[in-house]
Amino acid sequence: MTDTRRFSVHARHVERHHARIVAELSFEAAAVAYVEDFPLATDGDEALSVVVRDLESGREHCFRVDLETGETAPCN
């Protein structure tokens, strides 16, 4: 059985205090989970950039999540 990890996730264009804690298997899964419930307007963008931080290790990654498909890619 694979253990979930706790991540802090926030949209790149908003301040960190809008972060949400999610429990997922990977950085990518945490990014998608956040976007699924994203409460803020995206101004018609097709993708949303999110910053995902592993709460245990402190490692941080940025992803662009396609809002239609849920596919993730590293931020530019």
PDB file of N, CA and C in Angstrom:
ATOM      1  N   MET A   1       0.841  -1.197   0.000  1.00  0.00           N
ATOM      2  CA  MET A   1       0.000   0.000   0.000  1.00  0.00           C
ATOM      3  C   MET A   1       0.879   1.250   0.000  1.00  0.00           C
ATOM      4  N   THR A   2       0.561   2.188  -0.876  1.00  0.00           N
ATOM      5  CA  THR A   2       1.314   3.427  -0.974  1.00  0.00           C
ATOM      6  C   THR A   2       0.705   4.466  -0.043  1.00  0.00           C
ATOM      7  N   ASP A   3       1.576   5.145   0.681  1.00  0.00           N
ATOM      8  CA  ASP A   3       1.108   6.164   1.620  1.00  0.00           C
ATOM      9  C   ASP A   3       0.941   7.508   0.937  1.00  0.00           C
ATOM     10  N   THR A   4      -0.090   8.211   1.324  1.00  0.00           N
ATOM     11  CA  THR A   4      -0.265   9.572   0.827  1.00  0.00           C
ATOM     12  C   THR A   4       0.651  10.499   1.610  1.00  0.00           C
ATOM     13  N   ARG A   5       0.950  11.627   1.008  1.00  0.00           N
ATOM     14  CA  ARG A   5       1.754  12.658   1.655  1.00  0.00           C
ATOM     15  C   ARG A   5       0.918  13.923   1.726  1.00  0.00           C
ATOM     16  N   ARG A   6       1.290  14.799   2.629  1.00  0.00           N
ATOM     17  CA  ARG A   6       0.570  16.067   2.769  1.00  0.00           C
ATOM     18  C   ARG A   6       1.330  17.158   2.020  1.00  0.00           C
ATOM     19  N   PHE A   7       0.559  17.903   1.234  1.00  0.00           N
ATOM     20  CA  PHE A   7       1.116  18.984   0.423  1.00  0.00           C
ATOM     21  C   PHE A   7       0.360  20.278   0.703  1.00  0.00           C
ATOM     22  N   SER A   8       1.071  21.377   0.622  1.00  0.00           N
ATOM     23  CA  SER A   8       0.469  22.701   0.621  1.00  0.00           C
ATOM     24  C   SER A   8       0.460  23.151  -0.830  1.00  0.00           C
ATOM     25  N   VAL A   9      -0.708  23.563  -1.321  1.00  0.00           N
ATOM     26  CA  VAL A   9      -0.843  23.943  -2.731  1.00  0.00           C
ATOM     27  C   VAL A   9      -1.522  25.303  -2.821  1.00  0.00           C
ATOM     28  N   HIS A  10      -0.977  26.173  -3.668  1.00  0.00           N
ATOM     29  CA  HIS A  10      -1.640  27.453  -3.927  1.00  0.00           C
ATOM     30  C   HIS A  10      -1.417  27.857  -5.380  1.00  0.00           C
ATOM     31  N   ALA A  11      -2.347  28.639  -5.889  1.00  0.00           N
ATOM     32  CA  ALA A  11      -2.210  29.158  -7.251  1.00  0.00           C
ATOM     33  C   ALA A  11      -1.029  30.118  -7.280  1.00  0.00           C
ATOM     34  N   ARG A  12      -0.272  30.050  -8.353  1.00  0.00           N
ATOM     35  CA  ARG A  12       0.939  30.870  -8.471  1.00  0.00           C
ATOM     36  C   ARG A  12       0.630  32.364  -8.463  1.00  0.00           C
ATOM     37  N   HIS A  13      -0.538  32.756  -8.962  1.00  0.00           N
ATOM     38  CA  HIS A  13      -0.863  34.176  -9.073  1.00  0.00           C
ATOM     39  C   HIS A  13      -1.510  34.756  -7.811  1.00  0.00           C
ATOM     40  N   VAL A  14      -1.687  33.944  -6.772  1.00  0.00           N
ATOM     41  CA  VAL A  14      -2.231  34.449  -5.506  1.00  0.00           C
ATOM     42  C   VAL A  14      -1.219  34.202  -4.399  1.00  0.00           C
ATOM     43  N   GLU A  15      -1.392  34.900  -3.305  1.00  0.00           N
ATOM     44  CA  GLU A  15      -0.444  34.767  -2.214  1.00  0.00           C
ATOM     45  C   GLU A  15      -0.608  33.429  -1.492  1.00  0.00           C
ATOM     46  N   ARG A  16       0.469  33.027  -0.831  1.00  0.00           N
ATOM     47  CA  ARG A  16       0.542  31.724  -0.175  1.00  0.00           C
ATOM     48  C   ARG A  16      -0.554  31.518   0.879  1.00  0.00           C
ATOM     49  N   HIS A  17      -1.091  32.575   1.443  1.00  0.00           N
ATOM     50  CA  HIS A  17      -2.113  32.382   2.478  1.00  0.00           C
ATOM     51  C   HIS A  17      -3.401  31.777   1.914  1.00  0.00           C
ATOM     52  N   HIS A  18      -3.520  31.678   0.586  1.00  0.00           N
ATOM     53  CA  HIS A  18      -4.657  31.009  -0.039  1.00  0.00           C
ATOM     54  C   HIS A  18      -4.385  29.519  -0.237  1.00  0.00           C
ATOM     55  N   ALA A  19      -3.290  29.034   0.323  1.00  0.00           N
ATOM     56  CA  ALA A  19      -2.916  27.626   0.144  1.00  0.00           C
ATOM     57  C   ALA A  19      -3.936  26.706   0.804  1.00  0.00           C
ATOM     58  N   ARG A  20      -3.994  25.520   0.254  1.00  0.00           N
ATOM     59  CA  ARG A  20      -4.864  24.479   0.789  1.00  0.00           C
ATOM     60  C   ARG A  20      -3.991  23.253   1.046  1.00  0.00           C
ATOM     61  N   ILE A  21      -4.234  22.549   2.131  1.00  0.00           N
ATOM     62  CA  ILE A  21      -3.507  21.322   2.445  1.00  0.00           C
ATOM     63  C   ILE A  21      -4.281  20.158   1.832  1.00  0.00           C
ATOM     64  N   VAL A  22      -3.576  19.338   1.043  1.00  0.00           N
ATOM     65  CA  VAL A  22      -4.182  18.161   0.440  1.00  0.00           C
ATOM     66  C   VAL A  22      -3.305  16.945   0.719  1.00  0.00           C
ATOM     67  N   ALA A  23      -3.933  15.793   0.823  1.00  0.00           N
ATOM     68  CA  ALA A  23      -3.218  14.525   1.005  1.00  0.00           C
ATOM     69  C   ALA A  23      -3.335  13.748  -0.299  1.00  0.00           C
ATOM     70  N   GLU A  24      -2.218  13.514  -0.951  1.00  0.00           N
ATOM     71  CA  GLU A  24      -2.195  12.821  -2.237  1.00  0.00           C
ATOM     72  C   GLU A  24      -0.936  11.976  -2.340  1.00  0.00           C
ATOM     73  N   LEU A  25      -0.838  11.184  -3.409  1.00  0.00           N
ATOM     74  CA  LEU A  25       0.299  10.300  -3.625  1.00  0.00           C
ATOM     75  C   LEU A  25       1.499  10.996  -4.251  1.00  0.00           C
ATOM     76  N   SER A  26       1.267  12.105  -4.973  1.00  0.00           N
ATOM     77  CA  SER A  26       2.360  12.757  -5.695  1.00  0.00           C
ATOM     78  C   SER A  26       2.120  14.262  -5.790  1.00  0.00           C
ATOM     79  N   PHE A  27       3.174  14.970  -6.184  1.00  0.00           N
ATOM     80  CA  PHE A  27       3.062  16.409  -6.410  1.00  0.00           C
ATOM     81  C   PHE A  27       1.994  16.699  -7.465  1.00  0.00           C
ATOM     82  N   GLU A  28       2.030  15.935  -8.556  1.00  0.00           N
ATOM     83  CA  GLU A  28       1.085  16.154  -9.652  1.00  0.00           C
ATOM     84  C   GLU A  28      -0.357  15.935  -9.203  1.00  0.00           C
ATOM     85  N   ALA A  29      -0.587  14.866  -8.441  1.00  0.00           N
ATOM     86  CA  ALA A  29      -1.937  14.578  -7.953  1.00  0.00           C
ATOM     87  C   ALA A  29      -2.419  15.683  -7.016  1.00  0.00           C
ATOM     88  N   ALA A  30      -1.522  16.233  -6.222  1.00  0.00           N
ATOM     89  CA  ALA A  30      -1.882  17.336  -5.329  1.00  0.00           C
ATOM     90  C   ALA A  30      -2.265  18.571  -6.136  1.00  0.00           C
ATOM     91  N   ALA A  31      -1.540  18.842  -7.218  1.00  0.00           N
ATOM     92  CA  ALA A  31      -1.856  19.993  -8.075  1.00  0.00           C
ATOM     93  C   ALA A  31      -3.248  19.845  -8.674  1.00  0.00           C
ATOM     94  N   VAL A  32      -3.557  18.667  -9.195  1.00  0.00           N
ATOM     95  CA  VAL A  32      -4.870  18.432  -9.809  1.00  0.00           C
ATOM     96  C   VAL A  32      -5.971  18.517  -8.763  1.00  0.00           C
ATOM     97  N   ALA A  33      -5.760  17.958  -7.571  1.00  0.00           N
ATOM     98  CA  ALA A  33      -6.769  18.014  -6.511  1.00  0.00           C
ATOM     99  C   ALA A  33      -7.089  19.458  -6.142  1.00  0.00           C
ATOM    100  N   TYR A  34      -6.070  20.297  -6.082  1.00  0.00           N
ATOM    101  CA  TYR A  34      -6.285  21.710  -5.769  1.00  0.00           C
ATOM    102  C   TYR A  34      -7.105  22.387  -6.871  1.00  0.00           C
ATOM    103  N   VAL A  35      -6.729  22.156  -8.116  1.00  0.00           N
ATOM    104  CA  VAL A  35      -7.408  22.800  -9.241  1.00  0.00           C
ATOM    105  C   VAL A  35      -8.870  22.365  -9.322  1.00  0.00           C
ATOM    106  N   GLU A  36      -9.165  21.128  -8.985  1.00  0.00           N
ATOM    107  CA  GLU A  36     -10.551  20.636  -9.033  1.00  0.00           C
ATOM    108  C   GLU A  36     -11.479  21.455  -8.161  1.00  0.00           C
ATOM    109  N   ASP A  37     -10.955  22.013  -7.071  1.00  0.00           N
ATOM    110  CA  ASP A  37     -11.768  22.810  -6.151  1.00  0.00           C
ATOM    111  C   ASP A  37     -11.338  24.272  -6.110  1.00  0.00           C
ATOM    112  N   PHE A  38     -10.636  24.734  -7.152  1.00  0.00           N
ATOM    113  CA  PHE A  38     -10.092  26.097  -7.144  1.00  0.00           C
ATOM    114  C   PHE A  38     -11.215  27.118  -7.063  1.00  0.00           C
ATOM    115  N   PRO A  39     -11.209  27.955  -6.016  1.00  0.00           N
ATOM    116  CA  PRO A  39     -12.320  28.887  -5.803  1.00  0.00           C
ATOM    117  C   PRO A  39     -12.197  30.240  -6.499  1.00  0.00           C
ATOM    118  N   LEU A  40     -11.021  30.560  -7.049  1.00  0.00           N
ATOM    119  CA  LEU A  40     -10.804  31.889  -7.600  1.00  0.00           C
ATOM    120  C   LEU A  40     -10.929  31.881  -9.117  1.00  0.00           C
ATOM    121  N   ALA A  41     -11.350  33.008  -9.670  1.00  0.00           N
ATOM    122  CA  ALA A  41     -11.516  33.135 -11.121  1.00  0.00           C
ATOM    123  C   ALA A  41     -10.175  32.971 -11.825  1.00  0.00           C
ATOM    124  N   THR A  42     -10.205  32.396 -13.027  1.00  0.00           N
ATOM    125  CA  THR A  42      -8.983  32.179 -13.797  1.00  0.00           C
ATOM    126  C   THR A  42      -8.912  33.071 -15.024  1.00  0.00           C
ATOM    127  N   ASP A  43      -9.799  34.013 -15.183  1.00  0.00           N
ATOM    128  CA  ASP A  43      -9.791  34.976 -16.292  1.00  0.00           C
ATOM    129  C   ASP A  43      -9.753  34.308 -17.662  1.00  0.00           C
ATOM    130  N   GLY A  44     -10.441  33.188 -17.811  1.00  0.00           N
ATOM    131  CA  GLY A  44     -10.547  32.533 -19.101  1.00  0.00           C
ATOM    132  C   GLY A  44      -9.335  31.741 -19.533  1.00  0.00           C
ATOM    133  N   ASP A  45      -8.331  31.628 -18.690  1.00  0.00           N
ATOM    134  CA  ASP A  45      -7.156  30.842 -19.047  1.00  0.00           C
ATOM    135  C   ASP A  45      -7.525  29.381 -19.218  1.00  0.00           C
ATOM    136  N   GLU A  46      -6.796  28.700 -20.080  1.00  0.00           N
ATOM    137  CA  GLU A  46      -7.010  27.276 -20.301  1.00  0.00           C
ATOM    138  C   GLU A  46      -6.245  26.432 -19.299  1.00  0.00           C
ATOM    139  N   ALA A  47      -5.282  27.052 -18.593  1.00  0.00           N
ATOM    140  CA  ALA A  47      -4.472  26.340 -17.611  1.00  0.00           C
ATOM    141  C   ALA A  47      -4.241  27.245 -16.413  1.00  0.00           C
ATOM    142  N   LEU A  48      -3.896  26.613 -15.305  1.00  0.00           N
ATOM    143  CA  LEU A  48      -3.639  27.342 -14.071  1.00  0.00           C
ATOM    144  C   LEU A  48      -2.300  26.877 -13.526  1.00  0.00           C
ATOM    145  N   SER A  49      -1.441  27.809 -13.146  1.00  0.00           N
ATOM    146  CA  SER A  49      -0.153  27.462 -12.542  1.00  0.00           C
ATOM    147  C   SER A  49      -0.321  27.385 -11.037  1.00  0.00           C
ATOM    148  N   VAL A  50       0.150  26.274 -10.470  1.00  0.00           N
ATOM    149  CA  VAL A  50       0.057  26.080  -9.026  1.00  0.00           C
ATOM    150  C   VAL A  50       1.417  25.683  -8.462  1.00  0.00           C
ATOM    151  N   VAL A  51       1.666  26.090  -7.226  1.00  0.00           N
ATOM    152  CA  VAL A  51       2.887  25.744  -6.519  1.00  0.00           C
ATOM    153  C   VAL A  51       2.525  24.693  -5.481  1.00  0.00           C
ATOM    154  N   VAL A  52       3.247  23.573  -5.509  1.00  0.00           N
ATOM    155  CA  VAL A  52       2.976  22.452  -4.620  1.00  0.00           C
ATOM    156  C   VAL A  52       4.212  22.231  -3.747  1.00  0.00           C
ATOM    157  N   ARG A  53       4.002  22.242  -2.416  1.00  0.00           N
ATOM    158  CA  ARG A  53       5.117  22.042  -1.478  1.00  0.00           C
ATOM    159  C   ARG A  53       4.826  20.843  -0.598  1.00  0.00           C
ATOM    160  N   ASP A  54       5.768  19.893  -0.560  1.00  0.00           N
ATOM    161  CA  ASP A  54       5.673  18.730   0.322  1.00  0.00           C
ATOM    162  C   ASP A  54       5.896  19.228   1.745  1.00  0.00           C
ATOM    163  N   LEU A  55       4.932  19.025   2.623  1.00  0.00           N
ATOM    164  CA  LEU A  55       5.038  19.562   3.977  1.00  0.00           C
ATOM    165  C   LEU A  55       6.111  18.873   4.810  1.00  0.00           C
ATOM    166  N   GLU A  56       6.463  17.640   4.476  1.00  0.00           N
ATOM    167  CA  GLU A  56       7.497  16.944   5.242  1.00  0.00           C
ATOM    168  C   GLU A  56       8.899  17.343   4.805  1.00  0.00           C
ATOM    169  N   SER A  57       9.149  17.313   3.509  1.00  0.00           N
ATOM    170  CA  SER A  57      10.507  17.573   3.011  1.00  0.00           C
ATOM    171  C   SER A  57      10.763  19.048   2.692  1.00  0.00           C
ATOM    172  N   GLY A  58       9.699  19.806   2.439  1.00  0.00           N
ATOM    173  CA  GLY A  58       9.846  21.202   2.041  1.00  0.00           C
ATOM    174  C   GLY A  58      10.112  21.385   0.551  1.00  0.00           C
ATOM    175  N   ARG A  59      10.258  20.284  -0.200  1.00  0.00           N
ATOM    176  CA  ARG A  59      10.476  20.380  -1.649  1.00  0.00           C
ATOM    177  C   ARG A  59       9.263  21.026  -2.297  1.00  0.00           C
ATOM    178  N   GLU A  60       9.532  21.825  -3.311  1.00  0.00           N
ATOM    179  CA  GLU A  60       8.474  22.592  -3.953  1.00  0.00           C
ATOM    180  C   GLU A  60       8.594  22.465  -5.470  1.00  0.00           C
ATOM    181  N   HIS A  61       7.441  22.331  -6.128  1.00  0.00           N
ATOM    182  CA  HIS A  61       7.390  22.258  -7.583  1.00  0.00           C
ATOM    183  C   HIS A  61       6.248  23.145  -8.072  1.00  0.00           C
ATOM    184  N   CYS A  62       6.397  23.650  -9.290  1.00  0.00           N
ATOM    185  CA  CYS A  62       5.349  24.436  -9.927  1.00  0.00           C
ATOM    186  C   CYS A  62       4.841  23.666 -11.139  1.00  0.00           C
ATOM    187  N   PHE A  63       3.524  23.619 -11.295  1.00  0.00           N
ATOM    188  CA  PHE A  63       2.898  22.926 -12.414  1.00  0.00           C
ATOM    189  C   PHE A  63       1.864  23.815 -13.069  1.00  0.00           C
ATOM    190  N   ARG A  64       1.718  23.651 -14.392  1.00  0.00           N
ATOM    191  CA  ARG A  64       0.577  24.215 -15.116  1.00  0.00           C
ATOM    192  C   ARG A  64      -0.387  23.069 -15.314  1.00  0.00           C
ATOM    193  N   VAL A  65      -1.611  23.272 -14.867  1.00  0.00           N
ATOM    194  CA  VAL A  65      -2.632  22.233 -14.956  1.00  0.00           C
ATOM    195  C   VAL A  65      -3.659  22.663 -15.993  1.00  0.00           C
ATOM    196  N   ASP A  66      -3.869  21.827 -17.005  1.00  0.00           N
ATOM    197  CA  ASP A  66      -4.888  22.076 -18.020  1.00  0.00           C
ATOM    198  C   ASP A  66      -6.251  21.934 -17.349  1.00  0.00           C
ATOM    199  N   LEU A  67      -7.067  22.981 -17.417  1.00  0.00           N
ATOM    200  CA  LEU A  67      -8.344  22.995 -16.705  1.00  0.00           C
ATOM    201  C   LEU A  67      -9.382  22.064 -17.314  1.00  0.00           C
ATOM    202  N   GLU A  68      -9.207  21.661 -18.551  1.00  0.00           N
ATOM    203  CA  GLU A  68     -10.158  20.740 -19.179  1.00  0.00           C
ATOM    204  C   GLU A  68      -9.762  19.286 -18.988  1.00  0.00           C
ATOM    205  N   THR A  69      -8.479  18.993 -19.129  1.00  0.00           N
ATOM    206  CA  THR A  69      -8.047  17.596 -19.108  1.00  0.00           C
ATOM    207  C   THR A  69      -7.409  17.162 -17.796  1.00  0.00           C
ATOM    208  N   GLY A  70      -6.920  18.112 -16.995  1.00  0.00           N
ATOM    209  CA  GLY A  70      -6.226  17.774 -15.758  1.00  0.00           C
ATOM    210  C   GLY A  70      -4.775  17.388 -15.964  1.00  0.00           C
ATOM    211  N   GLU A  71      -4.298  17.458 -17.215  1.00  0.00           N
ATOM    212  CA  GLU A  71      -2.900  17.140 -17.486  1.00  0.00           C
ATOM    213  C   GLU A  71      -1.998  18.195 -16.852  1.00  0.00           C
ATOM    214  N   THR A  72      -0.836  17.730 -16.328  1.00  0.00           N
ATOM    215  CA  THR A  72       0.104  18.646 -15.698  1.00  0.00           C
ATOM    216  C   THR A  72       1.404  18.692 -16.481  1.00  0.00           C
ATOM    217  N   ALA A  73       2.068  19.852 -16.405  1.00  0.00           N
ATOM    218  CA  ALA A  73       3.392  20.049 -16.988  1.00  0.00           C
ATOM    219  C   ALA A  73       4.129  21.030 -16.083  1.00  0.00           C
ATOM    220  N   PRO A  74       5.460  20.932 -16.039  1.00  0.00           N
ATOM    221  CA  PRO A  74       6.216  21.895 -15.228  1.00  0.00           C
ATOM    222  C   PRO A  74       5.981  23.317 -15.730  1.00  0.00           C
ATOM    223  N   CYS A  75       6.006  24.282 -14.807  1.00  0.00           N
ATOM    224  CA  CYS A  75       5.907  25.695 -15.184  1.00  0.00           C
ATOM    225  C   CYS A  75       7.154  26.103 -15.956  1.00  0.00           C
ATOM    226  N   ASN A  76       7.009  27.082 -16.809  1.00  0.00           N
ATOM    227  CA  ASN A  76       8.149  27.617 -17.571  1.00  0.00           C
ATOM    228  C   ASN A  76       8.950  28.552 -16.715  1.00  0.00           C
TER     229      ASN A  76
END
